[in-house]
Amino acid sequence: FKEIIQQVLHYLGFEMKIDVLMTGEDLRPKPNPDILLKIAEKLDVQPSECLVLEDSSVGIEAAVRANMKVGYIPDIAYVDGETRNRATFICKDLAEVIAYLK
């Protein structure tokens, strides 16, 4: 799975912009927060200073468990209202995330 991600990033020209690339293959997958906490550690950033962008219930749950801010961007996966309300903010797309961060 990681190889596919690396190929897509290379194809899109993003591979040089990624400081840390981890997947559920590296640690227990979401909703366990381990992978998010490991990324914060590798980046030398406190979890409370991190922003996770998510489109799924398990991703939102992992970010909340990791004590990270989470932006929910709805996609095709169903996310119930209770989980959606746990997100720090909700944006319809990445453009709204940029506006939110400004």
Protein backbone atom coordinates (compact mmCIF):
# COMPACT_ATOMS: atom_id res chain seq x y z
CA PHE A 1 0.00 0.00 0.00
CA LYS A 2 2.79 2.45 0.87
CA GLU A 3 4.43 1.80 -2.50
CA ILE A 4 1.24 2.83 -4.28
CA ILE A 5 1.05 6.03 -2.26
CA GLN A 6 4.69 6.80 -3.08
CA GLN A 7 4.04 6.21 -6.81
CA VAL A 8 1.02 8.53 -6.77
CA LEU A 9 2.96 11.22 -4.87
CA HIS A 10 5.81 10.93 -7.37
CA TYR A 11 3.39 11.14 -10.30
CA LEU A 12 1.80 14.28 -8.82
CA GLY A 13 5.19 15.81 -7.99
CA PHE A 14 4.62 15.84 -4.23
CA GLU A 15 7.21 13.34 -3.02
CA MET A 16 9.71 16.05 -2.10
CA LYS A 17 7.08 17.87 0.01
CA ILE A 18 6.34 14.95 2.33
CA ASP A 19 8.39 14.90 5.55
CA VAL A 20 6.87 11.72 6.99
CA LEU A 21 4.85 9.04 5.23
CA MET A 22 3.25 6.35 7.35
CA THR A 23 0.32 4.01 6.79
CA GLY A 24 -1.62 1.43 8.77
CA GLU A 25 1.09 -1.00 7.66
CA ASP A 26 3.58 0.79 9.94
CA LEU A 27 1.56 0.73 13.16
CA ARG A 28 -1.90 -0.28 14.29
CA PRO A 29 -4.43 1.39 11.99
CA LYS A 30 -6.99 3.99 12.96
CA PRO A 31 -9.01 4.48 15.12
CA ASN A 32 -5.96 3.64 17.24
CA PRO A 33 -4.06 6.95 17.55
CA ASP A 34 -0.56 5.38 17.50
CA ILE A 35 0.18 6.32 13.88
CA LEU A 36 -0.78 9.96 14.42
CA LEU A 37 1.25 10.17 17.61
CA LYS A 38 4.28 8.62 15.88
CA ILE A 39 4.06 11.16 13.06
CA ALA A 40 3.92 14.03 15.59
CA GLU A 41 6.94 12.55 17.34
CA LYS A 42 8.91 12.26 14.08
CA LEU A 43 8.06 15.85 13.24
CA ASP A 44 8.97 16.94 16.80
CA VAL A 45 5.55 18.55 17.29
CA GLN A 46 3.24 18.27 20.28
CA PRO A 47 -0.01 16.43 19.42
CA SER A 48 -2.07 19.40 20.61
CA GLU A 49 -0.34 21.50 17.91
CA CYS A 50 -1.30 19.10 15.10
CA LEU A 51 -4.15 19.40 12.65
CA VAL A 52 -5.46 16.20 11.08
CA LEU A 53 -7.71 16.39 8.01
CA GLU A 54 -10.11 13.46 7.92
CA ASP A 55 -13.01 12.09 5.92
CA SER A 56 -13.93 9.08 8.04
CA SER A 57 -15.23 8.14 11.48
CA VAL A 58 -12.14 6.13 12.35
CA GLY A 59 -9.88 9.02 11.36
CA ILE A 60 -11.81 11.53 13.45
CA GLU A 61 -11.76 9.11 16.39
CA ALA A 62 -7.99 8.57 16.06
CA ALA A 63 -7.30 12.32 15.98
CA VAL A 64 -9.52 12.96 19.01
CA ARG A 65 -7.81 10.12 20.92
CA ALA A 66 -4.42 11.62 19.99
CA ASN A 67 -5.50 15.02 21.38
CA MET A 68 -5.13 16.62 17.95
CA LYS A 69 -7.33 19.14 16.19
CA VAL A 70 -9.32 17.51 13.42
CA GLY A 71 -10.90 19.03 10.36
CA TYR A 72 -13.65 16.90 8.86
CA ILE A 73 -14.04 17.02 5.09
CA PRO A 74 -17.07 14.93 4.08
CA ASP A 75 -16.49 12.36 1.37
CA ILE A 76 -18.30 9.17 0.35
CA ALA A 77 -17.91 7.46 3.75
CA TYR A 78 -20.82 7.93 6.15
CA VAL A 79 -19.95 9.70 9.40
CA ASP A 80 -22.66 9.88 12.05
CA GLY A 81 -23.61 13.18 13.66
CA GLU A 82 -22.04 12.38 17.03
CA THR A 83 -18.65 11.66 15.45
CA ARG A 84 -18.95 14.62 13.10
CA ASN A 85 -19.54 16.88 16.12
CA ARG A 86 -16.24 15.74 17.64
CA ALA A 87 -14.34 17.41 14.81
CA THR A 88 -12.75 20.78 15.55
CA PHE A 89 -14.26 22.15 12.33
CA ILE A 90 -16.04 20.94 9.21
CA CYS A 91 -15.24 22.10 5.68
CA LYS A 92 -16.82 20.97 2.44
CA ASP A 93 -13.47 20.84 0.61
CA LEU A 94 -9.76 21.69 0.90
CA ALA A 95 -10.33 25.25 -0.30
CA GLU A 96 -12.48 25.86 2.79
CA VAL A 97 -9.70 24.42 4.97
CA ILE A 98 -7.29 27.02 3.61
CA ALA A 99 -9.82 29.77 4.31
CA TYR A 100 -10.37 28.37 7.83
CA LEU A 101 -6.63 28.40 8.55
CA LYS A 102 -6.29 32.04 7.49
